Amino acid sequence: MPSPRRTVPVLLILGVLTLSACGDAADPTAGADEAMTTPTVVGTPSVPEEPSSPDTGAEPTVEAPPAVEVPEVLDFTAETLDGGTFEGASLAGRDALLWFWAPWCPVCQREAPVVAALAEEYAGRVAIIGVGGLSGDVQAMRDFVERGGAGGLTHLADTDGAIYARFGVTQQYDNGVLDESGEFRVVTGPLSEAEFRAELDALAES
């Protein structure tokens, strides 16, 4: 029979070893709280970007209108009856009729309302310009325009006859016809309303 003094220490040692082994065993609940409180990060699905037009960096090209050649006959500046300035070059590339008149001319006085009405009718298609000359009296020219109801036209005050001479016109109530190509010709008057209209129609349709 073994001695009691030897049994007790052996039992003690075995107990200590058992407790130590139990302390080292993994706790099944260890880390459970951490797993529950740590959020799971899920990647956000990417949204494809709309395709963009390639940026070339170049500005849009704007074509300049073709230059209009000014015929020599239109290379002049004149004073208008209302005190303004008229540039002959403004008629370049346009269809126009120049109506030459004198303030003392009765035929011109009869033509005035006809020409004024035609100027309104053909506005935007044919320009009609009055050229008052063969007189140095500007006030008489203004009175002529007022009496004839032709105040809606642009009238040149050709007191020295320079415009008459430039276009080769030698008498009142003649007309100058200018087409958009710059070709000019004198039409001897006086003209009836039908003859005025025929000239204007020919210009508008050219």
N, C-alpha and C. Protein backbone atom coordinates (compact mmCIF):
# COMPACT_ATOMS: atom_id res chain seq x y z
N MET A 1 0.85 -1.18 0.00
CA MET A 1 0.00 0.00 0.00
C MET A 1 0.87 1.21 0.00
N PRO A 2 0.61 2.11 -0.93
CA PRO A 2 1.51 3.25 -1.00
C PRO A 2 1.33 4.18 0.17
N SER A 3 2.39 4.94 0.41
CA SER A 3 2.41 5.87 1.54
C SER A 3 1.59 7.09 1.21
N PRO A 4 0.81 7.64 2.12
CA PRO A 4 -0.01 8.85 1.86
C PRO A 4 0.82 10.05 1.48
N ARG A 5 2.03 10.21 1.95
CA ARG A 5 2.90 11.36 1.67
C ARG A 5 3.24 11.44 0.20
N ARG A 6 3.34 10.32 -0.52
CA ARG A 6 3.68 10.33 -1.93
C ARG A 6 2.43 10.55 -2.77
N THR A 7 1.27 10.19 -2.37
CA THR A 7 0.04 10.29 -3.16
C THR A 7 -0.41 11.72 -3.28
N VAL A 8 -0.34 12.44 -2.26
CA VAL A 8 -0.85 13.85 -2.26
C VAL A 8 -0.11 14.71 -3.25
N PRO A 9 1.19 14.71 -3.25
CA PRO A 9 1.88 15.55 -4.24
C PRO A 9 1.57 15.15 -5.66
N VAL A 10 1.40 13.94 -5.94
CA VAL A 10 1.12 13.52 -7.32
C VAL A 10 -0.23 14.02 -7.74
N LEU A 11 -1.20 13.87 -6.85
CA LEU A 11 -2.54 14.37 -7.15
C LEU A 11 -2.54 15.87 -7.35
N LEU A 12 -1.78 16.58 -6.56
CA LEU A 12 -1.66 18.04 -6.68
C LEU A 12 -1.12 18.43 -8.04
N ILE A 13 -0.10 17.76 -8.48
CA ILE A 13 0.54 18.08 -9.76
C ILE A 13 -0.41 17.83 -10.89
N LEU A 14 -1.14 16.72 -10.83
CA LEU A 14 -2.09 16.41 -11.89
C LEU A 14 -3.20 17.44 -11.95
N GLY A 15 -3.62 17.95 -10.77
CA GLY A 15 -4.68 18.98 -10.76
C GLY A 15 -4.24 20.26 -11.39
N VAL A 16 -3.01 20.63 -11.07
CA VAL A 16 -2.47 21.89 -11.65
C VAL A 16 -2.37 21.79 -13.14
N LEU A 17 -1.91 20.66 -13.63
CA LEU A 17 -1.77 20.49 -15.07
C LEU A 17 -3.12 20.54 -15.76
N THR A 18 -4.12 19.97 -15.11
CA THR A 18 -5.46 19.96 -15.70
C THR A 18 -6.01 21.36 -15.81
N LEU A 19 -5.86 22.16 -14.75
CA LEU A 19 -6.33 23.57 -14.75
C LEU A 19 -5.62 24.38 -15.81
N SER A 20 -4.35 24.17 -15.96
CA SER A 20 -3.57 24.91 -16.95
C SER A 20 -4.03 24.60 -18.35
N ALA A 21 -4.33 23.32 -18.60
CA ALA A 21 -4.78 22.93 -19.93
C ALA A 21 -6.12 23.54 -20.24
N CYS A 22 -6.97 23.61 -19.20
CA CYS A 22 -8.29 24.22 -19.41
C CYS A 22 -8.19 25.70 -19.70
N GLY A 23 -7.24 26.37 -19.08
CA GLY A 23 -7.09 27.82 -19.32
C GLY A 23 -6.60 28.11 -20.72
N ASP A 24 -5.81 27.18 -21.33
CA ASP A 24 -5.28 27.43 -22.68
C ASP A 24 -6.26 27.07 -23.78
N ALA A 25 -7.34 26.36 -23.42
CA ALA A 25 -8.29 25.96 -24.48
C ALA A 25 -8.99 27.16 -25.05
N ALA A 26 -9.31 27.14 -26.35
CA ALA A 26 -9.96 28.29 -27.02
C ALA A 26 -11.38 28.41 -26.55
N ASP A 27 -11.77 29.67 -26.20
CA ASP A 27 -13.14 29.95 -25.77
C ASP A 27 -14.02 30.02 -27.01
N PRO A 28 -15.07 29.17 -27.08
CA PRO A 28 -15.91 29.16 -28.31
C PRO A 28 -16.62 30.47 -28.53
N THR A 29 -16.76 31.27 -27.48
CA THR A 29 -17.47 32.57 -27.66
C THR A 29 -16.51 33.70 -27.92
N ALA A 30 -15.19 33.42 -27.87
CA ALA A 30 -14.20 34.49 -28.06
C ALA A 30 -14.31 35.07 -29.46
N GLY A 31 -14.36 36.40 -29.56
CA GLY A 31 -14.42 37.08 -30.87
C GLY A 31 -15.80 37.20 -31.42
N ALA A 32 -16.81 36.63 -30.71
CA ALA A 32 -18.18 36.68 -31.25
C ALA A 32 -18.69 38.11 -31.26
N ASP A 33 -18.41 38.81 -30.11
CA ASP A 33 -18.87 40.21 -30.05
C ASP A 33 -18.22 41.05 -31.11
N GLU A 34 -16.94 40.84 -31.36
CA GLU A 34 -16.20 41.63 -32.35
C GLU A 34 -16.74 41.37 -33.74
N ALA A 35 -17.09 40.09 -34.02
CA ALA A 35 -17.61 39.76 -35.35
C ALA A 35 -18.96 40.39 -35.58
N MET A 36 -19.74 40.56 -34.48
CA MET A 36 -21.08 41.13 -34.62
C MET A 36 -21.03 42.64 -34.79
N THR A 37 -20.03 43.30 -34.22
CA THR A 37 -20.00 44.76 -34.24
C THR A 37 -19.16 45.32 -35.38
N THR A 38 -18.35 44.49 -36.03
CA THR A 38 -17.51 44.98 -37.14
C THR A 38 -18.31 44.96 -38.43
N PRO A 39 -18.57 46.12 -39.05
CA PRO A 39 -19.38 46.14 -40.28
C PRO A 39 -18.64 45.50 -41.45
N THR A 40 -19.41 44.89 -42.28
CA THR A 40 -18.85 44.31 -43.49
C THR A 40 -18.91 45.34 -44.60
N VAL A 41 -17.82 45.68 -45.22
CA VAL A 41 -17.77 46.69 -46.28
C VAL A 41 -17.98 46.01 -47.60
N VAL A 42 -19.03 46.42 -48.25
CA VAL A 42 -19.34 45.85 -49.56
C VAL A 42 -19.06 46.91 -50.61
N GLY A 43 -18.32 46.60 -51.62
CA GLY A 43 -17.97 47.57 -52.66
C GLY A 43 -19.20 48.06 -53.40
N THR A 44 -19.27 49.44 -53.67
CA THR A 44 -20.40 50.03 -54.42
C THR A 44 -20.21 49.76 -55.90
N PRO A 45 -21.23 49.23 -56.56
CA PRO A 45 -21.05 48.95 -58.00
C PRO A 45 -20.82 50.24 -58.78
N SER A 46 -19.88 50.23 -59.67
CA SER A 46 -19.55 51.44 -60.45
C SER A 46 -20.58 51.65 -61.54
N VAL A 47 -20.91 52.97 -61.78
CA VAL A 47 -21.87 53.33 -62.83
C VAL A 47 -21.07 53.76 -64.05
N PRO A 48 -21.30 53.15 -65.18
CA PRO A 48 -20.51 53.53 -66.38
C PRO A 48 -20.80 54.97 -66.78
N GLU A 49 -19.77 55.74 -67.11
CA GLU A 49 -19.92 57.12 -67.52
C GLU A 49 -20.44 57.20 -68.95
N GLU A 50 -21.22 58.29 -69.19
CA GLU A 50 -21.72 58.52 -70.54
C GLU A 50 -20.54 58.83 -71.47
N PRO A 51 -20.54 58.25 -72.64
CA PRO A 51 -19.44 58.57 -73.57
C PRO A 51 -19.50 60.04 -73.95
N SER A 52 -18.39 60.70 -73.94
CA SER A 52 -18.33 62.12 -74.27
C SER A 52 -17.73 62.30 -75.66
N SER A 53 -18.17 63.40 -76.28
CA SER A 53 -17.64 63.70 -77.62
C SER A 53 -16.19 64.12 -77.50
N PRO A 54 -15.39 63.68 -78.41
CA PRO A 54 -13.97 64.08 -78.36
C PRO A 54 -13.83 65.59 -78.49
N ASP A 55 -13.07 66.19 -77.59
CA ASP A 55 -12.83 67.64 -77.61
C ASP A 55 -11.61 67.93 -78.46
N THR A 56 -11.87 68.46 -79.61
CA THR A 56 -10.75 68.75 -80.51
C THR A 56 -10.09 70.07 -80.17
N GLY A 57 -10.84 70.91 -79.38
CA GLY A 57 -10.26 72.20 -79.02
C GLY A 57 -10.32 73.23 -80.13
N ALA A 58 -10.92 72.89 -81.25
CA ALA A 58 -10.97 73.82 -82.38
C ALA A 58 -12.28 74.58 -82.38
N GLU A 59 -12.24 75.88 -82.63
CA GLU A 59 -13.43 76.71 -82.71
C GLU A 59 -14.16 76.41 -84.02
N PRO A 60 -15.54 76.50 -83.99
CA PRO A 60 -16.27 76.27 -85.25
C PRO A 60 -15.89 77.30 -86.30
N THR A 61 -15.79 76.85 -87.51
CA THR A 61 -15.37 77.74 -88.60
C THR A 61 -16.57 78.48 -89.16
N VAL A 62 -16.47 79.80 -89.23
CA VAL A 62 -17.52 80.64 -89.81
C VAL A 62 -16.96 81.28 -91.07
N GLU A 63 -17.60 80.95 -92.16
CA GLU A 63 -17.11 81.47 -93.43
C GLU A 63 -17.54 82.91 -93.62
N ALA A 64 -16.60 83.76 -94.00
CA ALA A 64 -16.91 85.16 -94.24
C ALA A 64 -17.62 85.30 -95.58
N PRO A 65 -18.58 86.24 -95.63
CA PRO A 65 -19.28 86.44 -96.91
C PRO A 65 -18.30 86.92 -97.98
N PRO A 66 -18.50 86.52 -99.20
CA PRO A 66 -17.59 86.94 -100.25
C PRO A 66 -17.59 88.46 -100.42
N ALA A 67 -16.43 89.02 -100.67
CA ALA A 67 -16.32 90.46 -100.85
C ALA A 67 -16.99 90.88 -102.15
N VAL A 68 -17.68 92.03 -102.10
CA VAL A 68 -18.36 92.56 -103.27
C VAL A 68 -17.47 93.63 -103.91
N GLU A 69 -17.20 93.44 -105.19
CA GLU A 69 -16.37 94.42 -105.90
C GLU A 69 -17.20 95.66 -106.20
N VAL A 70 -16.63 96.82 -105.91
CA VAL A 70 -17.33 98.09 -106.13
C VAL A 70 -16.96 98.64 -107.50
N PRO A 71 -17.94 98.75 -108.41
CA PRO A 71 -17.64 99.31 -109.74
C PRO A 71 -17.17 100.76 -109.60
N GLU A 72 -16.37 101.20 -110.55
CA GLU A 72 -15.83 102.56 -110.49
C GLU A 72 -16.94 103.61 -110.45
N VAL A 73 -18.05 103.34 -111.14
CA VAL A 73 -19.12 104.32 -111.20
C VAL A 73 -19.76 104.54 -109.82
N LEU A 74 -19.60 103.58 -108.93
CA LEU A 74 -20.18 103.70 -107.59
C LEU A 74 -19.19 104.20 -106.55
N ASP A 75 -18.02 104.55 -106.99
CA ASP A 75 -16.98 105.02 -106.06
C ASP A 75 -17.15 106.53 -105.83
N PHE A 76 -18.19 106.88 -105.08
CA PHE A 76 -18.44 108.30 -104.81
C PHE A 76 -19.16 108.45 -103.48
N THR A 77 -19.12 109.67 -102.96
CA THR A 77 -19.85 110.05 -101.75
C THR A 77 -20.66 111.29 -102.08
N ALA A 78 -21.92 111.30 -101.67
CA ALA A 78 -22.80 112.44 -101.98
C ALA A 78 -23.59 112.84 -100.74
N GLU A 79 -24.05 114.08 -100.75
CA GLU A 79 -24.89 114.57 -99.65
C GLU A 79 -26.36 114.31 -100.00
N THR A 80 -27.13 113.91 -99.00
CA THR A 80 -28.55 113.68 -99.21
C THR A 80 -29.35 114.94 -98.85
N LEU A 81 -30.60 114.99 -99.32
CA LEU A 81 -31.45 116.16 -99.05
C LEU A 81 -31.71 116.38 -97.56
N ASP A 82 -31.64 115.32 -96.78
CA ASP A 82 -31.88 115.47 -95.35
C ASP A 82 -30.60 115.77 -94.56
N GLY A 83 -29.52 116.07 -95.29
CA GLY A 83 -28.27 116.45 -94.63
C GLY A 83 -27.36 115.29 -94.29
N GLY A 84 -27.70 114.10 -94.71
CA GLY A 84 -26.85 112.94 -94.44
C GLY A 84 -25.83 112.71 -95.54
N THR A 85 -25.18 111.57 -95.46
CA THR A 85 -24.15 111.20 -96.43
C THR A 85 -24.52 109.86 -97.06
N PHE A 86 -24.36 109.80 -98.37
CA PHE A 86 -24.67 108.56 -99.10
C PHE A 86 -23.40 108.05 -99.76
N GLU A 87 -23.09 106.78 -99.54
CA GLU A 87 -21.94 106.13 -100.17
C GLU A 87 -22.42 105.33 -101.38
N GLY A 88 -21.91 105.67 -102.55
CA GLY A 88 -22.28 104.94 -103.75
C GLY A 88 -21.97 103.46 -103.64
N ALA A 89 -20.92 103.13 -102.89
CA ALA A 89 -20.51 101.72 -102.73
C ALA A 89 -21.59 100.88 -102.05
N SER A 90 -22.54 101.53 -101.36
CA SER A 90 -23.61 100.78 -100.70
C SER A 90 -24.53 100.09 -101.70
N LEU A 91 -24.46 100.48 -102.97
CA LEU A 91 -25.28 99.86 -104.01
C LEU A 91 -24.56 98.70 -104.71
N ALA A 92 -23.30 98.48 -104.38
CA ALA A 92 -22.55 97.39 -105.02
C ALA A 92 -23.18 96.05 -104.69
N GLY A 93 -23.34 95.22 -105.73
CA GLY A 93 -23.94 93.90 -105.54
C GLY A 93 -25.45 93.93 -105.41
N ARG A 94 -26.08 95.08 -105.69
CA ARG A 94 -27.53 95.20 -105.57
C ARG A 94 -28.14 95.65 -106.89
N ASP A 95 -29.41 95.37 -107.04
CA ASP A 95 -30.17 95.90 -108.17
C ASP A 95 -30.72 97.26 -107.75
N ALA A 96 -30.55 98.26 -108.61
CA ALA A 96 -30.98 99.61 -108.23
C ALA A 96 -31.41 100.41 -109.46
N LEU A 97 -32.31 101.35 -109.20
CA LEU A 97 -32.73 102.30 -110.24
C LEU A 97 -32.51 103.70 -109.70
N LEU A 98 -31.79 104.51 -110.45
CA LEU A 98 -31.56 105.91 -110.09
C LEU A 98 -32.50 106.79 -110.91
N TRP A 99 -33.33 107.51 -110.21
CA TRP A 99 -34.31 108.39 -110.85
C TRP A 99 -33.80 109.83 -110.80
N PHE A 100 -33.43 110.36 -111.96
CA PHE A 100 -32.88 111.72 -112.03
C PHE A 100 -34.02 112.71 -112.25
N TRP A 101 -34.03 113.79 -111.46
CA TRP A 101 -35.09 114.77 -111.56
C TRP A 101 -34.54 116.18 -111.27
N ALA A 102 -35.35 117.17 -111.58
CA ALA A 102 -35.02 118.57 -111.28
C ALA A 102 -36.24 119.20 -110.61
N PRO A 103 -36.05 120.10 -109.66
CA PRO A 103 -37.18 120.63 -108.90
C PRO A 103 -38.15 121.48 -109.72
N TRP A 104 -37.71 122.03 -110.84
CA TRP A 104 -38.56 122.88 -111.66
C TRP A 104 -39.24 122.11 -112.80
N CYS A 105 -39.04 120.77 -112.86
CA CYS A 105 -39.52 119.96 -113.99
C CYS A 105 -40.94 119.44 -113.73
N PRO A 106 -41.95 119.86 -114.53
CA PRO A 106 -43.33 119.37 -114.33
C PRO A 106 -43.47 117.87 -114.61
N VAL A 107 -42.73 117.35 -115.58
CA VAL A 107 -42.79 115.90 -115.85
C VAL A 107 -42.30 115.12 -114.63
N CYS A 108 -41.22 115.61 -114.04
CA CYS A 108 -40.68 114.95 -112.84
C CYS A 108 -41.70 115.00 -111.70
N GLN A 109 -42.42 116.11 -111.61
CA GLN A 109 -43.43 116.25 -110.56
C GLN A 109 -44.52 115.20 -110.74
N ARG A 110 -44.91 114.93 -111.97
CA ARG A 110 -45.94 113.90 -112.23
C ARG A 110 -45.39 112.49 -111.94
N GLU A 111 -44.09 112.30 -112.17
CA GLU A 111 -43.50 110.98 -111.93
C GLU A 111 -43.32 110.68 -110.44
N ALA A 112 -43.19 111.72 -109.64
CA ALA A 112 -42.82 111.55 -108.23
C ALA A 112 -43.72 110.56 -107.47
N PRO A 113 -45.05 110.72 -107.47
CA PRO A 113 -45.87 109.76 -106.71
C PRO A 113 -45.81 108.33 -107.26
N VAL A 114 -45.64 108.21 -108.60
CA VAL A 114 -45.53 106.88 -109.21
C VAL A 114 -44.25 106.19 -108.73
N VAL A 115 -43.16 106.93 -108.76
CA VAL A 115 -41.87 106.35 -108.34
C VAL A 115 -41.90 106.01 -106.85
N ALA A 116 -42.54 106.89 -106.05
CA ALA A 116 -42.62 106.64 -104.61
C ALA A 116 -43.39 105.36 -104.32
N ALA A 117 -44.50 105.14 -105.01
CA ALA A 117 -45.29 103.93 -104.81
C ALA A 117 -44.53 102.68 -105.25
N LEU A 118 -43.81 102.77 -106.35
CA LEU A 118 -43.03 101.63 -106.83
C LEU A 118 -41.89 101.30 -105.87
N ALA A 119 -41.33 102.33 -105.26
CA ALA A 119 -40.23 102.10 -104.30
C ALA A 119 -40.72 101.26 -103.13
N GLU A 120 -41.94 101.49 -102.68
CA GLU A 120 -42.51 100.68 -101.60
C GLU A 120 -42.80 99.26 -102.08
N GLU A 121 -43.33 99.15 -103.27
CA GLU A 121 -43.70 97.85 -103.80
C GLU A 121 -42.49 96.94 -104.01
N TYR A 122 -41.39 97.52 -104.46
CA TYR A 122 -40.20 96.73 -104.78
C TYR A 122 -39.15 96.77 -103.66
N ALA A 123 -39.52 97.27 -102.51
CA ALA A 123 -38.57 97.34 -101.39
C ALA A 123 -38.02 95.96 -101.07
N GLY A 124 -36.72 95.88 -100.89
CA GLY A 124 -36.07 94.60 -100.62
C GLY A 124 -35.66 93.85 -101.86
N ARG A 125 -36.15 94.28 -103.02
CA ARG A 125 -35.76 93.64 -104.27
C ARG A 125 -34.95 94.58 -105.16
N VAL A 126 -35.42 95.82 -105.30
CA VAL A 126 -34.72 96.82 -106.09
C VAL A 126 -34.69 98.13 -105.29
N ALA A 127 -33.51 98.70 -105.14
CA ALA A 127 -33.39 99.99 -104.46
C ALA A 127 -33.65 101.11 -105.47
N ILE A 128 -34.46 102.08 -105.07
CA ILE A 128 -34.72 103.24 -105.93
C ILE A 128 -34.18 104.48 -105.22
N ILE A 129 -33.27 105.17 -105.90
CA ILE A 129 -32.62 106.36 -105.35
C ILE A 129 -32.95 107.56 -106.22
N GLY A 130 -33.43 108.64 -105.62
CA GLY A 130 -33.68 109.87 -106.36
C GLY A 130 -32.43 110.72 -106.43
N VAL A 131 -32.20 111.35 -107.58
CA VAL A 131 -31.05 112.25 -107.74
C VAL A 131 -31.58 113.59 -108.21
N GLY A 132 -31.66 114.54 -107.29
CA GLY A 132 -32.13 115.88 -107.63
C GLY A 132 -30.97 116.74 -108.10
N GLY A 133 -31.10 117.30 -109.31
CA GLY A 133 -29.99 118.11 -109.84
C GLY A 133 -30.47 119.24 -110.72
N LEU A 134 -29.51 119.79 -111.49
CA LEU A 134 -29.76 120.90 -112.40
C LEU A 134 -30.32 122.10 -111.64
N SER A 135 -29.96 122.20 -110.38
CA SER A 135 -30.38 123.33 -109.55
C SER A 135 -29.49 123.38 -108.31
N GLY A 136 -29.17 124.59 -107.91
CA GLY A 136 -28.36 124.74 -106.69
C GLY A 136 -29.21 125.07 -105.49
N ASP A 137 -30.53 125.06 -105.64
CA ASP A 137 -31.44 125.44 -104.57
C ASP A 137 -31.93 124.18 -103.83
N VAL A 138 -31.30 123.92 -102.70
CA VAL A 138 -31.64 122.71 -101.94
C VAL A 138 -33.06 122.81 -101.37
N GLN A 139 -33.46 124.01 -100.96
CA GLN A 139 -34.81 124.15 -100.41
C GLN A 139 -35.87 123.87 -101.48
N ALA A 140 -35.61 124.29 -102.71
CA ALA A 140 -36.55 123.99 -103.80
C ALA A 140 -36.62 122.49 -104.03
N MET A 141 -35.52 121.80 -103.87
CA MET A 141 -35.52 120.34 -103.99
C MET A 141 -36.37 119.71 -102.90
N ARG A 142 -36.25 120.21 -101.70
CA ARG A 142 -37.03 119.66 -100.60
C ARG A 142 -38.52 119.90 -100.81
N ASP A 143 -38.86 121.08 -101.31
CA ASP A 143 -40.26 121.38 -101.59
C ASP A 143 -40.82 120.44 -102.67
N PHE A 144 -39.97 120.14 -103.66
CA PHE A 144 -40.38 119.22 -104.74
C PHE A 144 -40.72 117.85 -104.16
N VAL A 145 -39.87 117.34 -103.30
CA VAL A 145 -40.08 116.01 -102.70
C VAL A 145 -41.35 116.00 -101.86
N GLU A 146 -41.57 117.07 -101.11
CA GLU A 146 -42.76 117.13 -100.26
C GLU A 146 -44.04 117.19 -101.10
N ARG A 147 -44.04 117.98 -102.14
CA ARG A 147 -45.22 118.09 -102.99
C ARG A 147 -45.53 116.76 -103.69
N GLY A 148 -44.50 116.07 -104.12
CA GLY A 148 -44.70 114.82 -104.86
C GLY A 148 -44.93 113.61 -103.98
N GLY A 149 -44.84 113.76 -102.65
CA GLY A 149 -45.04 112.62 -101.75
C GLY A 149 -43.95 111.57 -101.86
N ALA A 150 -42.75 112.02 -102.23
CA ALA A 150 -41.65 111.07 -102.42
C ALA A 150 -40.65 111.11 -101.28
N GLY A 151 -41.14 111.51 -100.11
CA GLY A 151 -40.22 111.62 -98.97
C GLY A 151 -39.71 110.29 -98.45
N GLY A 152 -40.31 109.16 -98.87
CA GLY A 152 -39.83 107.86 -98.41
C GLY A 152 -38.58 107.38 -99.11
N LEU A 153 -38.19 108.07 -100.19
CA LEU A 153 -36.97 107.68 -100.92
C LEU A 153 -35.76 108.41 -100.35
N THR A 154 -34.60 107.84 -100.62
CA THR A 154 -33.34 108.56 -100.39
C THR A 154 -33.10 109.42 -101.62
N HIS A 155 -32.87 110.72 -101.40
CA HIS A 155 -32.61 111.63 -102.51
C HIS A 155 -31.24 112.27 -102.35
N LEU A 156 -30.47 112.27 -103.42
CA LEU A 156 -29.16 112.92 -103.41
C LEU A 156 -29.33 114.36 -103.89
N ALA A 157 -28.66 115.29 -103.19
CA ALA A 157 -28.70 116.70 -103.56
C ALA A 157 -27.51 117.00 -104.47
N ASP A 158 -27.69 116.79 -105.76
CA ASP A 158 -26.59 116.94 -106.72
C ASP A 158 -26.54 118.40 -107.23
N THR A 159 -26.22 119.30 -106.33
CA THR A 159 -26.28 120.73 -106.67
C THR A 159 -25.22 121.15 -107.68
N ASP A 160 -24.11 120.43 -107.76
CA ASP A 160 -23.06 120.80 -108.71
C ASP A 160 -23.06 119.92 -109.95
N GLY A 161 -24.02 119.00 -110.07
CA GLY A 161 -24.12 118.16 -111.26
C GLY A 161 -23.11 117.04 -111.34
N ALA A 162 -22.37 116.78 -110.25
CA ALA A 162 -21.31 115.76 -110.29
C ALA A 162 -21.88 114.35 -110.47
N ILE A 163 -23.03 114.07 -109.85
CA ILE A 163 -23.61 112.73 -109.97
C ILE A 163 -24.21 112.54 -111.36
N TYR A 164 -24.87 113.58 -111.87
CA TYR A 164 -25.38 113.51 -113.24
C TYR A 164 -24.24 113.16 -114.19
N ALA A 165 -23.15 113.87 -114.07
CA ALA A 165 -22.01 113.67 -114.98
C ALA A 165 -21.38 112.29 -114.80
N ARG A 166 -21.28 111.84 -113.57
CA ARG A 166 -20.67 110.53 -113.30
C ARG A 166 -21.43 109.42 -114.03
N PHE A 167 -22.74 109.51 -114.07
CA PHE A 167 -23.54 108.47 -114.70
C PHE A 167 -23.89 108.77 -116.16
N GLY A 168 -23.36 109.85 -116.68
CA GLY A 168 -23.57 110.17 -118.09
C GLY A 168 -24.98 110.63 -118.40
N VAL A 169 -25.66 111.21 -117.42
CA VAL A 169 -27.03 111.69 -117.61
C VAL A 169 -26.97 113.19 -117.91
N THR A 170 -27.68 113.59 -118.97
CA THR A 170 -27.63 115.00 -119.41
C THR A 170 -28.95 115.74 -119.24
N GLN A 171 -30.01 115.01 -118.89
CA GLN A 171 -31.30 115.69 -118.72
C GLN A 171 -32.09 115.06 -117.59
N GLN A 172 -32.98 115.87 -116.98
CA GLN A 172 -33.86 115.36 -115.93
C GLN A 172 -34.81 114.32 -116.51
N TYR A 173 -35.42 113.55 -115.62
CA TYR A 173 -36.33 112.42 -115.85
C TYR A 173 -35.72 111.27 -116.64
N ASP A 174 -34.40 111.27 -116.82
CA ASP A 174 -33.74 110.05 -117.29
C ASP A 174 -33.55 109.12 -116.09
N ASN A 175 -33.24 107.85 -116.36
CA ASN A 175 -33.09 106.87 -115.28
C ASN A 175 -31.82 106.04 -115.49
N GLY A 176 -31.20 105.71 -114.39
CA GLY A 176 -30.03 104.84 -114.44
C GLY A 176 -30.39 103.47 -113.89
N VAL A 177 -30.10 102.44 -114.64
CA VAL A 177 -30.41 101.07 -114.21
C VAL A 177 -29.11 100.35 -113.88
N LEU A 178 -29.02 99.86 -112.67
CA LEU A 178 -27.81 99.19 -112.19
C LEU A 178 -28.17 97.80 -111.71
N ASP A 179 -27.53 96.76 -112.30
CA ASP A 179 -27.82 95.40 -111.82
C ASP A 179 -26.76 94.97 -110.81
N GLU A 180 -27.00 93.82 -110.18
CA GLU A 180 -26.13 93.37 -109.10
C GLU A 180 -24.71 93.05 -109.56
N SER A 181 -24.52 92.82 -110.85
CA SER A 181 -23.17 92.56 -111.36
C SER A 181 -22.36 93.83 -111.52
N GLY A 182 -23.01 95.01 -111.38
CA GLY A 182 -22.32 96.28 -111.52
C GLY A 182 -22.49 96.91 -112.89
N GLU A 183 -23.24 96.27 -113.77
CA GLU A 183 -23.47 96.84 -115.10
C GLU A 183 -24.48 97.98 -115.02
N PHE A 184 -24.14 99.11 -115.62
CA PHE A 184 -25.00 100.29 -115.55
C PHE A 184 -25.37 100.76 -116.96
N ARG A 185 -26.61 101.21 -117.11
CA ARG A 185 -27.02 101.79 -118.38
C ARG A 185 -28.05 102.89 -118.13
N VAL A 186 -28.12 103.84 -119.03
CA VAL A 186 -29.06 104.95 -118.93
C VAL A 186 -30.31 104.63 -119.75
N VAL A 187 -31.46 104.81 -119.14
CA VAL A 187 -32.74 104.63 -119.82
C VAL A 187 -33.35 106.02 -120.00
N THR A 188 -33.47 106.45 -121.26
CA THR A 188 -33.99 107.79 -121.53
C THR A 188 -35.48 107.87 -121.20
N GLY A 189 -35.85 108.93 -120.47
CA GLY A 189 -37.24 109.12 -120.08
C GLY A 189 -37.87 110.27 -120.85
N PRO A 190 -39.08 110.65 -120.47
CA PRO A 190 -39.78 110.12 -119.29
C PRO A 190 -40.38 108.74 -119.53
N LEU A 191 -40.65 108.02 -118.43
CA LEU A 191 -41.22 106.68 -118.51
C LEU A 191 -42.63 106.68 -117.91
N SER A 192 -43.47 105.85 -118.49
CA SER A 192 -44.80 105.63 -117.92
C SER A 192 -44.66 104.66 -116.74
N GLU A 193 -45.74 104.49 -115.99
CA GLU A 193 -45.69 103.55 -114.87
C GLU A 193 -45.39 102.14 -115.38
N ALA A 194 -46.00 101.76 -116.50
CA ALA A 194 -45.76 100.42 -117.05
C ALA A 194 -44.30 100.24 -117.45
N GLU A 195 -43.69 101.31 -117.99
CA GLU A 195 -42.28 101.23 -118.41
C GLU A 195 -41.36 101.18 -117.19
N PHE A 196 -41.70 101.95 -116.16
CA PHE A 196 -40.93 101.84 -114.91
C PHE A 196 -41.01 100.42 -114.37
N ARG A 197 -42.20 99.87 -114.35
CA ARG A 197 -42.40 98.54 -113.79
C ARG A 197 -41.64 97.47 -114.59
N ALA A 198 -41.61 97.63 -115.91
CA ALA A 198 -40.89 96.68 -116.75
C ALA A 198 -39.40 96.67 -116.42
N GLU A 199 -38.85 97.86 -116.20
CA GLU A 199 -37.42 97.95 -115.85
C GLU A 199 -37.17 97.33 -114.48
N LEU A 200 -38.05 97.58 -113.53
CA LEU A 200 -37.89 97.05 -112.19
C LEU A 200 -38.06 95.53 -112.17
N ASP A 201 -39.01 95.02 -112.93
CA ASP A 201 -39.21 93.57 -113.00
C ASP A 201 -37.98 92.87 -113.60
N ALA A 202 -37.42 93.50 -114.62
CA ALA A 202 -36.23 92.91 -115.26
C ALA A 202 -35.06 92.83 -114.28
N LEU A 203 -34.94 93.86 -113.45
CA LEU A 203 -33.88 93.85 -112.44
C LEU A 203 -34.14 92.78 -111.37
N ALA A 204 -35.38 92.76 -110.88
CA ALA A 204 -35.72 91.84 -109.79
C ALA A 204 -35.58 90.38 -110.20
N GLU A 205 -35.78 90.08 -111.47
CA GLU A 205 -35.73 88.70 -111.94
C GLU A 205 -34.35 88.29 -112.44
N SER A 206 -33.45 89.24 -112.52
CA SER A 206 -32.10 88.91 -113.05
C SER A 206 -31.26 88.19 -112.01
